[in-house]
Amino acid sequence: MRVRFRIAVYSGDGKRLSRQDLIGYKDSLRIGIRYVIEFKYLEATKWLLLAEDAQEKYLLLALLNYALGQDQQAKEFFEEAKRFERATDYRFLIEKPEEGKRVLIEKPEASLLDFL
């Protein structure tokens, strides 16, 4: 599947998370994040939709939709993310390795137009 960019997940202390860091968690949010890390974006979307409402859930759903070319749905998820508090200290970074670009997404108000 062709995507516009990749999504990386970092812990609050700046460590890039790997699949092994999230094995053992049974909540839908962390299972969805694990699939994001594995670049299984459609599977990640399914798990995130099942997760409890949190800013991370909607930020990731927005980023996944942008990555898959679903811009209108992505905008709606970004708007929804503004309504919720964060549930984790995870940070999300989008990257285009072939172009050497990386952008940290810290707030739901972020604009990806320049990056894309």
PDB file of N, CA and C in Angstrom:
ATOM      1  N   MET A   1       0.846  -1.170   0.000  1.00  0.00           N
ATOM      2  CA  MET A   1       0.000   0.000   0.000  1.00  0.00           C
ATOM      3  C   MET A   1       0.892   1.234   0.000  1.00  0.00           C
ATOM      4  N   ARG A   2       0.592   2.162  -0.835  1.00  0.00           N
ATOM      5  CA  ARG A   2       1.359   3.406  -0.941  1.00  0.00           C
ATOM      6  C   ARG A   2       0.798   4.433   0.030  1.00  0.00           C
ATOM      7  N   VAL A   3       1.681   5.038   0.826  1.00  0.00           N
ATOM      8  CA  VAL A   3       1.268   6.070   1.776  1.00  0.00           C
ATOM      9  C   VAL A   3       2.081   7.336   1.523  1.00  0.00           C
ATOM     10  N   ARG A   4       1.534   8.470   1.939  1.00  0.00           N
ATOM     11  CA  ARG A   4       2.214   9.757   1.756  1.00  0.00           C
ATOM     12  C   ARG A   4       3.419   9.918   2.669  1.00  0.00           C
ATOM     13  N   PHE A   5       3.317   9.360   3.872  1.00  0.00           N
ATOM     14  CA  PHE A   5       4.381   9.483   4.856  1.00  0.00           C
ATOM     15  C   PHE A   5       4.258   8.364   5.866  1.00  0.00           C
ATOM     16  N   ARG A   6       5.303   8.192   6.676  1.00  0.00           N
ATOM     17  CA  ARG A   6       5.291   7.195   7.749  1.00  0.00           C
ATOM     18  C   ARG A   6       5.057   7.905   9.075  1.00  0.00           C
ATOM     19  N   ILE A   7       4.527   7.165  10.018  1.00  0.00           N
ATOM     20  CA  ILE A   7       4.262   7.699  11.351  1.00  0.00           C
ATOM     21  C   ILE A   7       5.143   6.953  12.344  1.00  0.00           C
ATOM     22  N   ALA A   8       5.894   7.709  13.129  1.00  0.00           N
ATOM     23  CA  ALA A   8       6.723   7.133  14.192  1.00  0.00           C
ATOM     24  C   ALA A   8       6.151   7.571  15.527  1.00  0.00           C
ATOM     25  N   VAL A   9       6.344   6.745  16.554  1.00  0.00           N
ATOM     26  CA  VAL A   9       5.820   7.042  17.889  1.00  0.00           C
ATOM     27  C   VAL A   9       6.998   7.079  18.857  1.00  0.00           C
ATOM     28  N   TYR A  10       7.033   8.134  19.669  1.00  0.00           N
ATOM     29  CA  TYR A  10       8.089   8.321  20.663  1.00  0.00           C
ATOM     30  C   TYR A  10       7.476   8.410  22.054  1.00  0.00           C
ATOM     31  N   SER A  11       8.214   7.919  23.036  1.00  0.00           N
ATOM     32  CA  SER A  11       7.777   8.041  24.426  1.00  0.00           C
ATOM     33  C   SER A  11       8.082   9.460  24.900  1.00  0.00           C
ATOM     34  N   GLY A  12       7.590   9.795  26.070  1.00  0.00           N
ATOM     35  CA  GLY A  12       7.807  11.124  26.626  1.00  0.00           C
ATOM     36  C   GLY A  12       9.268  11.462  26.833  1.00  0.00           C
ATOM     37  N   ASP A  13      10.108  10.451  27.046  1.00  0.00           N
ATOM     38  CA  ASP A  13      11.531  10.712  27.260  1.00  0.00           C
ATOM     39  C   ASP A  13      12.334  10.704  25.956  1.00  0.00           C
ATOM     40  N   GLY A  14      11.650  10.656  24.817  1.00  0.00           N
ATOM     41  CA  GLY A  14      12.310  10.782  23.526  1.00  0.00           C
ATOM     42  C   GLY A  14      12.755   9.489  22.876  1.00  0.00           C
ATOM     43  N   LYS A  15      12.408   8.342  23.448  1.00  0.00           N
ATOM     44  CA  LYS A  15      12.795   7.050  22.878  1.00  0.00           C
ATOM     45  C   LYS A  15      11.787   6.655  21.802  1.00  0.00           C
ATOM     46  N   ARG A  16      12.303   6.280  20.631  1.00  0.00           N
ATOM     47  CA  ARG A  16      11.416   5.800  19.573  1.00  0.00           C
ATOM     48  C   ARG A  16      10.887   4.428  19.980  1.00  0.00           C
ATOM     49  N   LEU A  17       9.570   4.284  19.991  1.00  0.00           N
ATOM     50  CA  LEU A  17       8.958   3.035  20.422  1.00  0.00           C
ATOM     51  C   LEU A  17       9.039   1.978  19.327  1.00  0.00           C
ATOM     52  N   SER A  18       9.216   0.754  19.753  1.00  0.00           N
ATOM     53  CA  SER A  18       9.226  -0.384  18.839  1.00  0.00           C
ATOM     54  C   SER A  18       8.046  -1.292  19.191  1.00  0.00           C
ATOM     55  N   ARG A  19       7.839  -2.272  18.361  1.00  0.00           N
ATOM     56  CA  ARG A  19       6.761  -3.230  18.581  1.00  0.00           C
ATOM     57  C   ARG A  19       6.881  -3.886  19.960  1.00  0.00           C
ATOM     58  N   GLN A  20       8.098  -4.235  20.358  1.00  0.00           N
ATOM     59  CA  GLN A  20       8.325  -4.920  21.630  1.00  0.00           C
ATOM     60  C   GLN A  20       7.925  -4.055  22.836  1.00  0.00           C
ATOM     61  N   ASP A  21       8.014  -2.739  22.691  1.00  0.00           N
ATOM     62  CA  ASP A  21       7.646  -1.851  23.795  1.00  0.00           C
ATOM     63  C   ASP A  21       6.151  -1.912  24.110  1.00  0.00           C
ATOM     64  N   LEU A  22       5.361  -2.331  23.154  1.00  0.00           N
ATOM     65  CA  LEU A  22       3.901  -2.327  23.339  1.00  0.00           C
ATOM     66  C   LEU A  22       3.296  -3.721  23.442  1.00  0.00           C
ATOM     67  N   ILE A  23       4.114  -4.745  23.341  1.00  0.00           N
ATOM     68  CA  ILE A  23       3.599  -6.100  23.513  1.00  0.00           C
ATOM     69  C   ILE A  23       3.208  -6.289  24.980  1.00  0.00           C
ATOM     70  N   GLY A  24       2.092  -6.910  25.186  1.00  0.00           N
ATOM     71  CA  GLY A  24       1.615  -7.143  26.544  1.00  0.00           C
ATOM     72  C   GLY A  24       0.477  -6.219  26.940  1.00  0.00           C
ATOM     73  N   TYR A  25       0.347  -5.088  26.265  1.00  0.00           N
ATOM     74  CA  TYR A  25      -0.784  -4.197  26.544  1.00  0.00           C
ATOM     75  C   TYR A  25      -2.026  -4.757  25.871  1.00  0.00           C
ATOM     76  N   LYS A  26      -3.138  -4.673  26.568  1.00  0.00           N
ATOM     77  CA  LYS A  26      -4.389  -5.231  26.053  1.00  0.00           C
ATOM     78  C   LYS A  26      -5.425  -4.167  25.696  1.00  0.00           C
ATOM     79  N   ASP A  27      -5.104  -2.882  25.942  1.00  0.00           N
ATOM     80  CA  ASP A  27      -6.087  -1.846  25.623  1.00  0.00           C
ATOM     81  C   ASP A  27      -6.002  -1.495  24.134  1.00  0.00           C
ATOM     82  N   SER A  28      -7.122  -1.130  23.571  1.00  0.00           N
ATOM     83  CA  SER A  28      -7.236  -0.890  22.129  1.00  0.00           C
ATOM     84  C   SER A  28      -6.324   0.225  21.642  1.00  0.00           C
ATOM     85  N   LEU A  29      -6.123   1.262  22.454  1.00  0.00           N
ATOM     86  CA  LEU A  29      -5.271   2.377  22.044  1.00  0.00           C
ATOM     87  C   LEU A  29      -3.844   1.904  21.799  1.00  0.00           C
ATOM     88  N   ARG A  30      -3.282   1.179  22.749  1.00  0.00           N
ATOM     89  CA  ARG A  30      -1.893   0.730  22.594  1.00  0.00           C
ATOM     90  C   ARG A  30      -1.748  -0.366  21.534  1.00  0.00           C
ATOM     91  N   ILE A  31      -2.767  -1.183  21.362  1.00  0.00           N
ATOM     92  CA  ILE A  31      -2.726  -2.165  20.274  1.00  0.00           C
ATOM     93  C   ILE A  31      -2.721  -1.422  18.929  1.00  0.00           C
ATOM     94  N   GLY A  32      -3.567  -0.397  18.811  1.00  0.00           N
ATOM     95  CA  GLY A  32      -3.580   0.416  17.593  1.00  0.00           C
ATOM     96  C   GLY A  32      -2.251   1.096  17.348  1.00  0.00           C
ATOM     97  N   ILE A  33      -1.642   1.620  18.406  1.00  0.00           N
ATOM     98  CA  ILE A  33      -0.334   2.265  18.273  1.00  0.00           C
ATOM     99  C   ILE A  33       0.713   1.246  17.826  1.00  0.00           C
ATOM    100  N   ARG A  34       0.628   0.032  18.356  1.00  0.00           N
ATOM    101  CA  ARG A  34       1.570  -1.008  17.938  1.00  0.00           C
ATOM    102  C   ARG A  34       1.460  -1.269  16.435  1.00  0.00           C
ATOM    103  N   TYR A  35       0.235  -1.308  15.920  1.00  0.00           N
ATOM    104  CA  TYR A  35       0.065  -1.518  14.483  1.00  0.00           C
ATOM    105  C   TYR A  35       0.568  -0.323  13.670  1.00  0.00           C
ATOM    106  N   VAL A  36       0.454   0.881  14.207  1.00  0.00           N
ATOM    107  CA  VAL A  36       1.027   2.048  13.533  1.00  0.00           C
ATOM    108  C   VAL A  36       2.536   1.866  13.409  1.00  0.00           C
ATOM    109  N   ILE A  37       3.171   1.445  14.495  1.00  0.00           N
ATOM    110  CA  ILE A  37       4.621   1.228  14.499  1.00  0.00           C
ATOM    111  C   ILE A  37       5.019   0.172  13.475  1.00  0.00           C
ATOM    112  N   GLU A  38       4.169  -0.827  13.289  1.00  0.00           N
ATOM    113  CA  GLU A  38       4.437  -1.909  12.330  1.00  0.00           C
ATOM    114  C   GLU A  38       4.048  -1.528  10.904  1.00  0.00           C
ATOM    115  N   PHE A  39       3.576  -0.309  10.684  1.00  0.00           N
ATOM    116  CA  PHE A  39       3.141   0.195   9.375  1.00  0.00           C
ATOM    117  C   PHE A  39       1.955  -0.586   8.825  1.00  0.00           C
ATOM    118  N   LYS A  40       1.119  -1.095   9.702  1.00  0.00           N
ATOM    119  CA  LYS A  40      -0.122  -1.771   9.320  1.00  0.00           C
ATOM    120  C   LYS A  40      -1.265  -0.801   9.591  1.00  0.00           C
ATOM    121  N   TYR A  41      -1.374   0.196   8.720  1.00  0.00           N
ATOM    122  CA  TYR A  41      -2.246   1.329   8.985  1.00  0.00           C
ATOM    123  C   TYR A  41      -3.731   0.984   8.986  1.00  0.00           C
ATOM    124  N   LEU A  42      -4.172   0.086   8.138  1.00  0.00           N
ATOM    125  CA  LEU A  42      -5.598  -0.268   8.139  1.00  0.00           C
ATOM    126  C   LEU A  42      -5.968  -1.029   9.408  1.00  0.00           C
ATOM    127  N   GLU A  43      -5.110  -1.930   9.845  1.00  0.00           N
ATOM    128  CA  GLU A  43      -5.357  -2.656  11.093  1.00  0.00           C
ATOM    129  C   GLU A  43      -5.314  -1.696  12.285  1.00  0.00           C
ATOM    130  N   ALA A  44      -4.404  -0.745  12.252  1.00  0.00           N
ATOM    131  CA  ALA A  44      -4.304   0.262  13.322  1.00  0.00           C
ATOM    132  C   ALA A  44      -5.602   1.067  13.414  1.00  0.00           C
ATOM    133  N   THR A  45      -6.142   1.427  12.269  1.00  0.00           N
ATOM    134  CA  THR A  45      -7.387   2.203  12.250  1.00  0.00           C
ATOM    135  C   THR A  45      -8.508   1.447  12.939  1.00  0.00           C
ATOM    136  N   LYS A  46      -8.622   0.157  12.667  1.00  0.00           N
ATOM    137  CA  LYS A  46      -9.676  -0.644  13.305  1.00  0.00           C
ATOM    138  C   LYS A  46      -9.556  -0.615  14.822  1.00  0.00           C
ATOM    139  N   TRP A  47      -8.345  -0.815  15.341  1.00  0.00           N
ATOM    140  CA  TRP A  47      -8.148  -0.839  16.792  1.00  0.00           C
ATOM    141  C   TRP A  47      -8.347   0.538  17.410  1.00  0.00           C
ATOM    142  N   LEU A  48      -7.909   1.571  16.722  1.00  0.00           N
ATOM    143  CA  LEU A  48      -8.075   2.923  17.267  1.00  0.00           C
ATOM    144  C   LEU A  48      -9.544   3.317  17.341  1.00  0.00           C
ATOM    145  N   LEU A  49     -10.324   2.884  16.379  1.00  0.00           N
ATOM    146  CA  LEU A  49     -11.761   3.186  16.427  1.00  0.00           C
ATOM    147  C   LEU A  49     -12.429   2.523  17.629  1.00  0.00           C
ATOM    148  N   LEU A  50     -11.882   1.423  18.113  1.00  0.00           N
ATOM    149  CA  LEU A  50     -12.415   0.734  19.290  1.00  0.00           C
ATOM    150  C   LEU A  50     -11.928   1.337  20.609  1.00  0.00           C
ATOM    151  N   ALA A  51     -10.878   2.148  20.553  1.00  0.00           N
ATOM    152  CA  ALA A  51     -10.252   2.688  21.766  1.00  0.00           C
ATOM    153  C   ALA A  51     -11.127   3.734  22.442  1.00  0.00           C
ATOM    154  N   GLU A  52     -10.862   3.914  23.736  1.00  0.00           N
ATOM    155  CA  GLU A  52     -11.529   4.976  24.502  1.00  0.00           C
ATOM    156  C   GLU A  52     -11.156   6.330  23.914  1.00  0.00           C
ATOM    157  N   ASP A  53     -12.040   7.306  24.059  1.00  0.00           N
ATOM    158  CA  ASP A  53     -11.762   8.634  23.528  1.00  0.00           C
ATOM    159  C   ASP A  53     -10.572   9.262  24.242  1.00  0.00           C
ATOM    160  N   ALA A  54      -9.613   9.716  23.447  1.00  0.00           N
ATOM    161  CA  ALA A  54      -8.420  10.402  23.945  1.00  0.00           C
ATOM    162  C   ALA A  54      -7.839  11.184  22.769  1.00  0.00           C
ATOM    163  N   GLN A  55      -7.081  12.217  23.084  1.00  0.00           N
ATOM    164  CA  GLN A  55      -6.494  13.028  22.028  1.00  0.00           C
ATOM    165  C   GLN A  55      -5.601  12.199  21.105  1.00  0.00           C
ATOM    166  N   GLU A  56      -4.844  11.259  21.672  1.00  0.00           N
ATOM    167  CA  GLU A  56      -3.960  10.423  20.862  1.00  0.00           C
ATOM    168  C   GLU A  56      -4.733   9.598  19.843  1.00  0.00           C
ATOM    169  N   LYS A  57      -5.879   9.088  20.246  1.00  0.00           N
ATOM    170  CA  LYS A  57      -6.714   8.283  19.346  1.00  0.00           C
ATOM    171  C   LYS A  57      -7.051   9.085  18.093  1.00  0.00           C
ATOM    172  N   TYR A  58      -7.548  10.294  18.288  1.00  0.00           N
ATOM    173  CA  TYR A  58      -7.994  11.094  17.155  1.00  0.00           C
ATOM    174  C   TYR A  58      -6.835  11.683  16.366  1.00  0.00           C
ATOM    175  N   LEU A  59      -5.732  12.012  17.043  1.00  0.00           N
ATOM    176  CA  LEU A  59      -4.541  12.470  16.317  1.00  0.00           C
ATOM    177  C   LEU A  59      -4.030  11.375  15.387  1.00  0.00           C
ATOM    178  N   LEU A  60      -3.936  10.168  15.904  1.00  0.00           N
ATOM    179  CA  LEU A  60      -3.462   9.066  15.070  1.00  0.00           C
ATOM    180  C   LEU A  60      -4.435   8.758  13.939  1.00  0.00           C
ATOM    181  N   LEU A  61      -5.724   8.776  14.218  1.00  0.00           N
ATOM    182  CA  LEU A  61      -6.692   8.538  13.147  1.00  0.00           C
ATOM    183  C   LEU A  61      -6.575   9.613  12.065  1.00  0.00           C
ATOM    184  N   ALA A  62      -6.344  10.853  12.467  1.00  0.00           N
ATOM    185  CA  ALA A  62      -6.145  11.928  11.490  1.00  0.00           C
ATOM    186  C   ALA A  62      -4.886  11.679  10.670  1.00  0.00           C
ATOM    187  N   LEU A  63      -3.789  11.362  11.344  1.00  0.00           N
ATOM    188  CA  LEU A  63      -2.538  11.119  10.627  1.00  0.00           C
ATOM    189  C   LEU A  63      -2.643   9.920   9.690  1.00  0.00           C
ATOM    190  N   LEU A  64      -3.297   8.861  10.157  1.00  0.00           N
ATOM    191  CA  LEU A  64      -3.479   7.677   9.306  1.00  0.00           C
ATOM    192  C   LEU A  64      -4.291   8.023   8.060  1.00  0.00           C
ATOM    193  N   ASN A  65      -5.341   8.798   8.240  1.00  0.00           N
ATOM    194  CA  ASN A  65      -6.166   9.172   7.093  1.00  0.00           C
ATOM    195  C   ASN A  65      -5.405  10.067   6.123  1.00  0.00           C
ATOM    196  N   TYR A  66      -4.613  11.018   6.641  1.00  0.00           N
ATOM    197  CA  TYR A  66      -3.765  11.830   5.758  1.00  0.00           C
ATOM    198  C   TYR A  66      -2.773  10.953   5.005  1.00  0.00           C
ATOM    199  N   ALA A  67      -2.153  10.025   5.701  1.00  0.00           N
ATOM    200  CA  ALA A  67      -1.166   9.148   5.073  1.00  0.00           C
ATOM    201  C   ALA A  67      -1.798   8.324   3.951  1.00  0.00           C
ATOM    202  N   LEU A  68      -3.061   7.957   4.130  1.00  0.00           N
ATOM    203  CA  LEU A  68      -3.764   7.137   3.145  1.00  0.00           C
ATOM    204  C   LEU A  68      -4.503   7.962   2.091  1.00  0.00           C
ATOM    205  N   GLY A  69      -4.388   9.298   2.167  1.00  0.00           N
ATOM    206  CA  GLY A  69      -5.003  10.156   1.161  1.00  0.00           C
ATOM    207  C   GLY A  69      -6.443  10.521   1.416  1.00  0.00           C
ATOM    208  N   GLN A  70      -6.930  10.302   2.617  1.00  0.00           N
ATOM    209  CA  GLN A  70      -8.316  10.625   2.975  1.00  0.00           C
ATOM    210  C   GLN A  70      -8.351  11.955   3.727  1.00  0.00           C
ATOM    211  N   ASP A  71      -8.132  13.051   3.012  1.00  0.00           N
ATOM    212  CA  ASP A  71      -7.936  14.356   3.643  1.00  0.00           C
ATOM    213  C   ASP A  71      -9.154  14.866   4.416  1.00  0.00           C
ATOM    214  N   GLN A  72     -10.339  14.707   3.877  1.00  0.00           N
ATOM    215  CA  GLN A  72     -11.532  15.224   4.562  1.00  0.00           C
ATOM    216  C   GLN A  72     -11.762  14.514   5.894  1.00  0.00           C
ATOM    217  N   GLN A  73     -11.622  13.193   5.911  1.00  0.00           N
ATOM    218  CA  GLN A  73     -11.779  12.448   7.164  1.00  0.00           C
ATOM    219  C   GLN A  73     -10.695  12.846   8.154  1.00  0.00           C
ATOM    220  N   ALA A  74      -9.488  13.072   7.647  1.00  0.00           N
ATOM    221  CA  ALA A  74      -8.380  13.480   8.516  1.00  0.00           C
ATOM    222  C   ALA A  74      -8.690  14.807   9.205  1.00  0.00           C
ATOM    223  N   LYS A  75      -9.223  15.754   8.472  1.00  0.00           N
ATOM    224  CA  LYS A  75      -9.569  17.059   9.057  1.00  0.00           C
ATOM    225  C   LYS A  75     -10.617  16.887  10.157  1.00  0.00           C
ATOM    226  N   GLU A  76     -11.570  16.023   9.926  1.00  0.00           N
ATOM    227  CA  GLU A  76     -12.609  15.782  10.934  1.00  0.00           C
ATOM    228  C   GLU A  76     -12.018  15.165  12.198  1.00  0.00           C
ATOM    229  N   PHE A  77     -11.080  14.237  12.043  1.00  0.00           N
ATOM    230  CA  PHE A  77     -10.439  13.636  13.219  1.00  0.00           C
ATOM    231  C   PHE A  77      -9.569  14.653  13.959  1.00  0.00           C
ATOM    232  N   PHE A  78      -8.899  15.558  13.238  1.00  0.00           N
ATOM    233  CA  PHE A  78      -8.118  16.607  13.901  1.00  0.00           C
ATOM    234  C   PHE A  78      -9.037  17.495  14.734  1.00  0.00           C
ATOM    235  N   GLU A  79     -10.190  17.827  14.197  1.00  0.00           N
ATOM    236  CA  GLU A  79     -11.160  18.644  14.952  1.00  0.00           C
ATOM    237  C   GLU A  79     -11.625  17.912  16.203  1.00  0.00           C
ATOM    238  N   GLU A  80     -11.876  16.624  16.066  1.00  0.00           N
ATOM    239  CA  GLU A  80     -12.331  15.816  17.207  1.00  0.00           C
ATOM    240  C   GLU A  80     -11.244  15.731  18.280  1.00  0.00           C
ATOM    241  N   ALA A  81      -9.998  15.676  17.881  1.00  0.00           N
ATOM    242  CA  ALA A  81      -8.881  15.567  18.834  1.00  0.00           C
ATOM    243  C   ALA A  81      -8.827  16.759  19.779  1.00  0.00           C
ATOM    244  N   LYS A  82      -9.265  17.916  19.326  1.00  0.00           N
ATOM    245  CA  LYS A  82      -9.236  19.134  20.149  1.00  0.00           C
ATOM    246  C   LYS A  82     -10.158  19.029  21.363  1.00  0.00           C
ATOM    247  N   ARG A  83     -11.117  18.138  21.318  1.00  0.00           N
ATOM    248  CA  ARG A  83     -12.109  18.022  22.393  1.00  0.00           C
ATOM    249  C   ARG A  83     -11.625  17.173  23.566  1.00  0.00           C
ATOM    250  N   PHE A  84     -10.518  16.466  23.415  1.00  0.00           N
ATOM    251  CA  PHE A  84     -10.108  15.493  24.431  1.00  0.00           C
ATOM    252  C   PHE A  84      -8.725  15.787  24.993  1.00  0.00           C
ATOM    253  N   GLU A  85      -8.501  15.291  26.202  1.00  0.00           N
ATOM    254  CA  GLU A  85      -7.202  15.391  26.859  1.00  0.00           C
ATOM    255  C   GLU A  85      -6.327  14.218  26.426  1.00  0.00           C
ATOM    256  N   ARG A  86      -5.040  14.362  26.630  1.00  0.00           N
ATOM    257  CA  ARG A  86      -4.102  13.283  26.319  1.00  0.00           C
ATOM    258  C   ARG A  86      -4.220  12.185  27.369  1.00  0.00           C
ATOM    259  N   ALA A  87      -4.050  10.930  26.937  1.00  0.00           N
ATOM    260  CA  ALA A  87      -4.110   9.779  27.842  1.00  0.00           C
ATOM    261  C   ALA A  87      -2.722   9.186  28.085  1.00  0.00           C
ATOM    262  N   THR A  88      -1.752   9.537  27.242  1.00  0.00           N
ATOM    263  CA  THR A  88      -0.396   9.006  27.359  1.00  0.00           C
ATOM    264  C   THR A  88       0.598  10.147  27.164  1.00  0.00           C
ATOM    265  N   ASP A  89       1.880   9.819  27.301  1.00  0.00           N
ATOM    266  CA  ASP A  89       2.907  10.823  27.010  1.00  0.00           C
ATOM    267  C   ASP A  89       3.537  10.583  25.638  1.00  0.00           C
ATOM    268  N   TYR A  90       2.919   9.759  24.801  1.00  0.00           N
ATOM    269  CA  TYR A  90       3.453   9.444  23.482  1.00  0.00           C
ATOM    270  C   TYR A  90       3.390  10.672  22.572  1.00  0.00           C
ATOM    271  N   ARG A  91       4.414  10.794  21.737  1.00  0.00           N
ATOM    272  CA  ARG A  91       4.463  11.862  20.739  1.00  0.00           C
ATOM    273  C   ARG A  91       4.554  11.215  19.360  1.00  0.00           C
ATOM    274  N   PHE A  92       4.015  11.897  18.378  1.00  0.00           N
ATOM    275  CA  PHE A  92       3.945  11.339  17.031  1.00  0.00           C
ATOM    276  C   PHE A  92       4.760  12.194  16.070  1.00  0.00           C
ATOM    277  N   LEU A  93       5.507  11.512  15.245  1.00  0.00           N
ATOM    278  CA  LEU A  93       6.363  12.173  14.275  1.00  0.00           C
ATOM    279  C   LEU A  93       6.029  11.608  12.907  1.00  0.00           C
ATOM    280  N   ILE A  94       5.838  12.485  11.952  1.00  0.00           N
ATOM    281  CA  ILE A  94       5.622  12.007  10.597  1.00  0.00           C
ATOM    282  C   ILE A  94       6.907  12.250   9.817  1.00  0.00           C
ATOM    283  N   GLU A  95       7.209  11.306   8.939  1.00  0.00           N
ATOM    284  CA  GLU A  95       8.478  11.409   8.231  1.00  0.00           C
ATOM    285  C   GLU A  95       8.363  10.914   6.798  1.00  0.00           C
ATOM    286  N   LYS A  96       9.136  11.568   5.958  1.00  0.00           N
ATOM    287  CA  LYS A  96       9.319  11.153   4.568  1.00  0.00           C
ATOM    288  C   LYS A  96      10.810  10.897   4.415  1.00  0.00           C
ATOM    289  N   PRO A  97      11.249   9.682   4.692  1.00  0.00           N
ATOM    290  CA  PRO A  97      12.687   9.399   4.683  1.00  0.00           C
ATOM    291  C   PRO A  97      13.357   9.673   3.338  1.00  0.00           C
ATOM    292  N   GLU A  98      12.632   9.431   2.242  1.00  0.00           N
ATOM    293  CA  GLU A  98      13.232   9.636   0.929  1.00  0.00           C
ATOM    294  C   GLU A  98      13.522  11.109   0.655  1.00  0.00           C
ATOM    295  N   GLU A  99      12.822  12.021   1.354  1.00  0.00           N
ATOM    296  CA  GLU A  99      13.052  13.454   1.195  1.00  0.00           C
ATOM    297  C   GLU A  99      13.790  14.048   2.389  1.00  0.00           C
ATOM    298  N   GLY A 100      14.048  13.229   3.406  1.00  0.00           N
ATOM    299  CA  GLY A 100      14.741  13.714   4.594  1.00  0.00           C
ATOM    300  C   GLY A 100      13.907  14.662   5.444  1.00  0.00           C
ATOM    301  N   LYS A 101      12.583  14.543   5.400  1.00  0.00           N
ATOM    302  CA  LYS A 101      11.693  15.426   6.160  1.00  0.00           C
ATOM    303  C   LYS A 101      11.130  14.698   7.366  1.00  0.00           C
ATOM    304  N   ARG A 102      11.038  15.441   8.488  1.00  0.00           N
ATOM    305  CA  ARG A 102      10.434  14.912   9.720  1.00  0.00           C
ATOM    306  C   ARG A 102       9.716  16.055  10.430  1.00  0.00           C
ATOM    307  N   VAL A 103       8.505  15.792  10.903  1.00  0.00           N
ATOM    308  CA  VAL A 103       7.725  16.804  11.608  1.00  0.00           C
ATOM    309  C   VAL A 103       7.102  16.180  12.845  1.00  0.00           C
ATOM    310  N   LEU A 104       7.307  16.813  13.989  1.00  0.00           N
ATOM    311  CA  LEU A 104       6.706  16.368  15.242  1.00  0.00           C
ATOM    312  C   LEU A 104       5.309  16.969  15.345  1.00  0.00           C
ATOM    313  N   ILE A 105       4.320  16.129  15.594  1.00  0.00           N
ATOM    314  CA  ILE A 105       2.933  16.583  15.751  1.00  0.00           C
ATOM    315  C   ILE A 105       2.651  16.638  17.247  1.00  0.00           C
ATOM    316  N   GLU A 106       2.584  17.847  17.775  1.00  0.00           N
ATOM    317  CA  GLU A 106       2.389  17.999  19.213  1.00  0.00           C
ATOM    318  C   GLU A 106       0.971  18.394  19.588  1.00  0.00           C
ATOM    319  N   LYS A 107       0.273  19.062  18.686  1.00  0.00           N
ATOM    320  CA  LYS A 107      -1.064  19.551  18.996  1.00  0.00           C
ATOM    321  C   LYS A 107      -2.008  19.233  17.838  1.00  0.00           C
ATOM    322  N   PRO A 108      -3.298  19.095  18.138  1.00  0.00           N
ATOM    323  CA  PRO A 108      -4.255  18.810  17.066  1.00  0.00           C
ATOM    324  C   PRO A 108      -4.422  19.961  16.080  1.00  0.00           C
ATOM    325  N   GLU A 109      -3.920  21.147  16.419  1.00  0.00           N
ATOM    326  CA  GLU A 109      -4.042  22.293  15.525  1.00  0.00           C
ATOM    327  C   GLU A 109      -2.990  22.262  14.431  1.00  0.00           C
ATOM    328  N   ALA A 110      -2.121  21.279  14.464  1.00  0.00           N
ATOM    329  CA  ALA A 110      -1.016  21.202  13.498  1.00  0.00           C
ATOM    330  C   ALA A 110      -1.528  21.171  12.067  1.00  0.00           C
ATOM    331  N   SER A 111      -0.803  21.825  11.205  1.00  0.00           N
ATOM    332  CA  SER A 111      -1.137  21.813   9.789  1.00  0.00           C
ATOM    333  C   SER A 111      -0.106  20.996   9.036  1.00  0.00           C
ATOM    334  N   LEU A 112      -0.558  20.084   8.225  1.00  0.00           N
ATOM    335  CA  LEU A 112       0.345  19.230   7.486  1.00  0.00           C
ATOM    336  C   LEU A 112       0.525  19.671   6.044  1.00  0.00           C
ATOM    337  N   LEU A 113      -0.121  20.753   5.655  1.00  0.00           N
ATOM    338  CA  LEU A 113      -0.104  21.139   4.248  1.00  0.00           C
ATOM    339  C   LEU A 113       1.304  21.396   3.729  1.00  0.00           C
ATOM    340  N   ASP A 114       2.153  22.065   4.511  1.00  0.00           N
ATOM    341  CA  ASP A 114       3.518  22.332   4.069  1.00  0.00           C
ATOM    342  C   ASP A 114       4.315  21.049   3.959  1.00  0.00           C
ATOM    343  N   PHE A 115       4.050  20.118   4.855  1.00  0.00           N
ATOM    344  CA  PHE A 115       4.782  18.857   4.848  1.00  0.00           C
ATOM    345  C   PHE A 115       4.394  18.000   3.649  1.00  0.00           C
ATOM    346  N   LEU A 116       3.110  17.985   3.356  1.00  0.00           N
ATOM    347  CA  LEU A 116       2.623  17.137   2.283  1.00  0.00           C
ATOM    348  C   LEU A 116       3.010  17.723   0.947  1.00  0.00           C
TER     349      LEU A 116
END
